[in-house]
Amino acid sequence: MKECDLNVRLIDVTVGEAFEMLKPLFEPMLKEAVEKAVLAATEEKEVYGIPGIQKLMGNCCKSKAQQVKNSGVLDPAITQNGRKITVNVPLAKKLLKAASLI
């Protein structure tokens, strides 16, 4: 990082120079946010509904998630009470890998 001149007007600073000056301030916050997101994603034990199955399969389309649910591959991992679908994530991942779907 090059030295910044404190006598330069803010309007004369380029985007690159501003980015370089602000980068040390935002890097720790960004790393912390990424770590929290990764931790939250790995701790997730259940997902809900067809959108949860989509997320589990890596953001596939809604119709593909519905096909997988209807195929019976995930039946051991799915609990459905009325319209509410709950999917056990660790078991579903094992079943999807066994079926070569992820």
C-alpha atoms as a PDB file:
ATOM      1  CA  MET A   1       0.000   0.000   0.000  1.00  0.00           C
ATOM      2  CA  LYS A   2       1.416   3.347  -0.932  1.00  0.00           C
ATOM      3  CA  GLU A   3       1.423   6.341   1.356  1.00  0.00           C
ATOM      4  CA  CYS A   4      -1.595   8.597   1.089  1.00  0.00           C
ATOM      5  CA  ASP A   5      -1.082  12.334   0.863  1.00  0.00           C
ATOM      6  CA  LEU A   6      -3.275  14.078   3.423  1.00  0.00           C
ATOM      7  CA  ASN A   7      -3.185  17.300   1.404  1.00  0.00           C
ATOM      8  CA  VAL A   8      -5.041  15.833  -1.589  1.00  0.00           C
ATOM      9  CA  ARG A   9      -8.662  16.878  -1.892  1.00  0.00           C
ATOM     10  CA  LEU A  10     -11.174  14.069  -1.579  1.00  0.00           C
ATOM     11  CA  ILE A  11     -12.616  14.916  -4.970  1.00  0.00           C
ATOM     12  CA  ASP A  12      -9.180  14.359  -6.557  1.00  0.00           C
ATOM     13  CA  VAL A  13      -8.766  10.850  -5.161  1.00  0.00           C
ATOM     14  CA  THR A  14      -9.330   8.073  -7.700  1.00  0.00           C
ATOM     15  CA  VAL A  15     -11.521   5.069  -6.975  1.00  0.00           C
ATOM     16  CA  GLY A  16      -8.444   2.851  -6.791  1.00  0.00           C
ATOM     17  CA  GLU A  17      -6.734   5.128  -4.286  1.00  0.00           C
ATOM     18  CA  ALA A  18      -9.892   5.343  -2.174  1.00  0.00           C
ATOM     19  CA  PHE A  19     -10.229   1.567  -2.293  1.00  0.00           C
ATOM     20  CA  GLU A  20      -6.627   1.085  -1.181  1.00  0.00           C
ATOM     21  CA  MET A  21      -7.126   3.510   1.721  1.00  0.00           C
ATOM     22  CA  LEU A  22     -10.351   1.886   2.907  1.00  0.00           C
ATOM     23  CA  LYS A  23      -9.334  -1.735   2.303  1.00  0.00           C
ATOM     24  CA  PRO A  24      -7.606  -2.209   5.707  1.00  0.00           C
ATOM     25  CA  LEU A  25     -10.734  -0.947   7.443  1.00  0.00           C
ATOM     26  CA  PHE A  26     -13.133  -3.339   5.728  1.00  0.00           C
ATOM     27  CA  GLU A  27     -11.029  -6.522   5.410  1.00  0.00           C
ATOM     28  CA  PRO A  28     -11.506  -7.690   9.035  1.00  0.00           C
ATOM     29  CA  MET A  29     -15.269  -7.092   8.855  1.00  0.00           C
ATOM     30  CA  LEU A  30     -15.521  -8.963   5.555  1.00  0.00           C
ATOM     31  CA  LYS A  31     -13.547 -11.942   6.863  1.00  0.00           C
ATOM     32  CA  GLU A  32     -15.731 -12.076   9.975  1.00  0.00           C
ATOM     33  CA  ALA A  33     -18.922 -11.960   7.911  1.00  0.00           C
ATOM     34  CA  VAL A  34     -17.701 -14.764   5.645  1.00  0.00           C
ATOM     35  CA  GLU A  35     -16.734 -16.918   8.634  1.00  0.00           C
ATOM     36  CA  LYS A  36     -20.173 -16.407  10.204  1.00  0.00           C
ATOM     37  CA  ALA A  37     -21.915 -17.301   6.945  1.00  0.00           C
ATOM     38  CA  VAL A  38     -19.864 -20.476   6.517  1.00  0.00           C
ATOM     39  CA  LEU A  39     -20.472 -21.463  10.117  1.00  0.00           C
ATOM     40  CA  ALA A  40     -24.215 -20.877   9.798  1.00  0.00           C
ATOM     41  CA  ALA A  41     -24.368 -22.920   6.597  1.00  0.00           C
ATOM     42  CA  THR A  42     -22.506 -25.863   8.117  1.00  0.00           C
ATOM     43  CA  GLU A  43     -24.542 -25.814  11.339  1.00  0.00           C
ATOM     44  CA  GLU A  44     -27.860 -25.966   9.526  1.00  0.00           C
ATOM     45  CA  LYS A  45     -29.519 -29.258  10.460  1.00  0.00           C
ATOM     46  CA  GLU A  46     -32.837 -28.788   8.671  1.00  0.00           C
ATOM     47  CA  VAL A  47     -34.166 -26.979   5.630  1.00  0.00           C
ATOM     48  CA  TYR A  48     -37.798 -26.328   4.874  1.00  0.00           C
ATOM     49  CA  GLY A  49     -39.867 -26.793   1.764  1.00  0.00           C
ATOM     50  CA  ILE A  50     -38.955 -27.009  -1.881  1.00  0.00           C
ATOM     51  CA  PRO A  51     -36.725 -23.886  -1.582  1.00  0.00           C
ATOM     52  CA  GLY A  52     -34.770 -25.728   1.124  1.00  0.00           C
ATOM     53  CA  ILE A  53     -34.267 -28.708  -1.186  1.00  0.00           C
ATOM     54  CA  GLN A  54     -33.154 -26.303  -3.930  1.00  0.00           C
ATOM     55  CA  LYS A  55     -30.591 -24.774  -1.568  1.00  0.00           C
ATOM     56  CA  LEU A  56     -29.447 -28.240  -0.493  1.00  0.00           C
ATOM     57  CA  MET A  57     -28.843 -29.245  -4.113  1.00  0.00           C
ATOM     58  CA  GLY A  58     -26.851 -26.107  -4.889  1.00  0.00           C
ATOM     59  CA  ASN A  59     -29.589 -23.724  -6.037  1.00  0.00           C
ATOM     60  CA  CYS A  60     -31.132 -25.957  -8.677  1.00  0.00           C
ATOM     61  CA  CYS A  61     -34.433 -25.040 -10.288  1.00  0.00           C
ATOM     62  CA  LYS A  62     -37.728 -25.510  -8.478  1.00  0.00           C
ATOM     63  CA  SER A  63     -38.954 -28.207 -10.869  1.00  0.00           C
ATOM     64  CA  LYS A  64     -35.789 -30.314 -10.345  1.00  0.00           C
ATOM     65  CA  ALA A  65     -36.156 -30.067  -6.552  1.00  0.00           C
ATOM     66  CA  GLN A  66     -39.800 -31.141  -6.874  1.00  0.00           C
ATOM     67  CA  GLN A  67     -38.784 -34.076  -9.096  1.00  0.00           C
ATOM     68  CA  VAL A  68     -36.194 -35.247  -6.548  1.00  0.00           C
ATOM     69  CA  LYS A  69     -38.735 -34.983  -3.736  1.00  0.00           C
ATOM     70  CA  ASN A  70     -41.367 -36.892  -5.731  1.00  0.00           C
ATOM     71  CA  SER A  71     -38.862 -39.563  -6.857  1.00  0.00           C
ATOM     72  CA  GLY A  72     -38.547 -40.898  -3.315  1.00  0.00           C
ATOM     73  CA  VAL A  73     -34.779 -40.502  -3.090  1.00  0.00           C
ATOM     74  CA  LEU A  74     -35.120 -38.165  -0.107  1.00  0.00           C
ATOM     75  CA  ASP A  75     -38.042 -39.935   1.594  1.00  0.00           C
ATOM     76  CA  PRO A  76     -35.989 -41.113   4.613  1.00  0.00           C
ATOM     77  CA  ALA A  77     -34.796 -37.531   5.186  1.00  0.00           C
ATOM     78  CA  ILE A  78     -38.167 -35.818   4.654  1.00  0.00           C
ATOM     79  CA  THR A  79     -40.825 -35.262   7.278  1.00  0.00           C
ATOM     80  CA  GLN A  80     -44.019 -33.785   5.914  1.00  0.00           C
ATOM     81  CA  ASN A  81     -46.805 -32.589   8.165  1.00  0.00           C
ATOM     82  CA  GLY A  82     -49.604 -31.225   6.014  1.00  0.00           C
ATOM     83  CA  ARG A  83     -48.018 -28.672   3.703  1.00  0.00           C
ATOM     84  CA  LYS A  84     -44.863 -28.203   5.786  1.00  0.00           C
ATOM     85  CA  ILE A  85     -41.825 -30.112   4.492  1.00  0.00           C
ATOM     86  CA  THR A  86     -38.806 -30.540   6.782  1.00  0.00           C
ATOM     87  CA  VAL A  87     -35.610 -32.071   5.390  1.00  0.00           C
ATOM     88  CA  ASN A  88     -32.823 -33.466   7.581  1.00  0.00           C
ATOM     89  CA  VAL A  89     -29.702 -31.979   5.928  1.00  0.00           C
ATOM     90  CA  PRO A  90     -26.970 -34.500   6.870  1.00  0.00           C
ATOM     91  CA  LEU A  91     -29.120 -37.495   5.901  1.00  0.00           C
ATOM     92  CA  ALA A  92     -30.321 -35.815   2.699  1.00  0.00           C
ATOM     93  CA  LYS A  93     -26.736 -35.078   1.630  1.00  0.00           C
ATOM     94  CA  LYS A  94     -25.802 -38.743   2.124  1.00  0.00           C
ATOM     95  CA  LEU A  95     -28.839 -39.885   0.138  1.00  0.00           C
ATOM     96  CA  LEU A  96     -28.187 -37.421  -2.689  1.00  0.00           C
ATOM     97  CA  LYS A  97     -24.544 -38.488  -2.931  1.00  0.00           C
ATOM     98  CA  ALA A  98     -25.577 -42.155  -2.974  1.00  0.00           C
ATOM     99  CA  ALA A  99     -28.020 -41.390  -5.797  1.00  0.00           C
ATOM    100  CA  SER A 100     -25.307 -39.343  -7.613  1.00  0.00           C
ATOM    101  CA  LEU A 101     -27.497 -36.228  -7.688  1.00  0.00           C
ATOM    102  CA  ILE A 102     -24.913 -33.903  -6.081  1.00  0.00           C
END
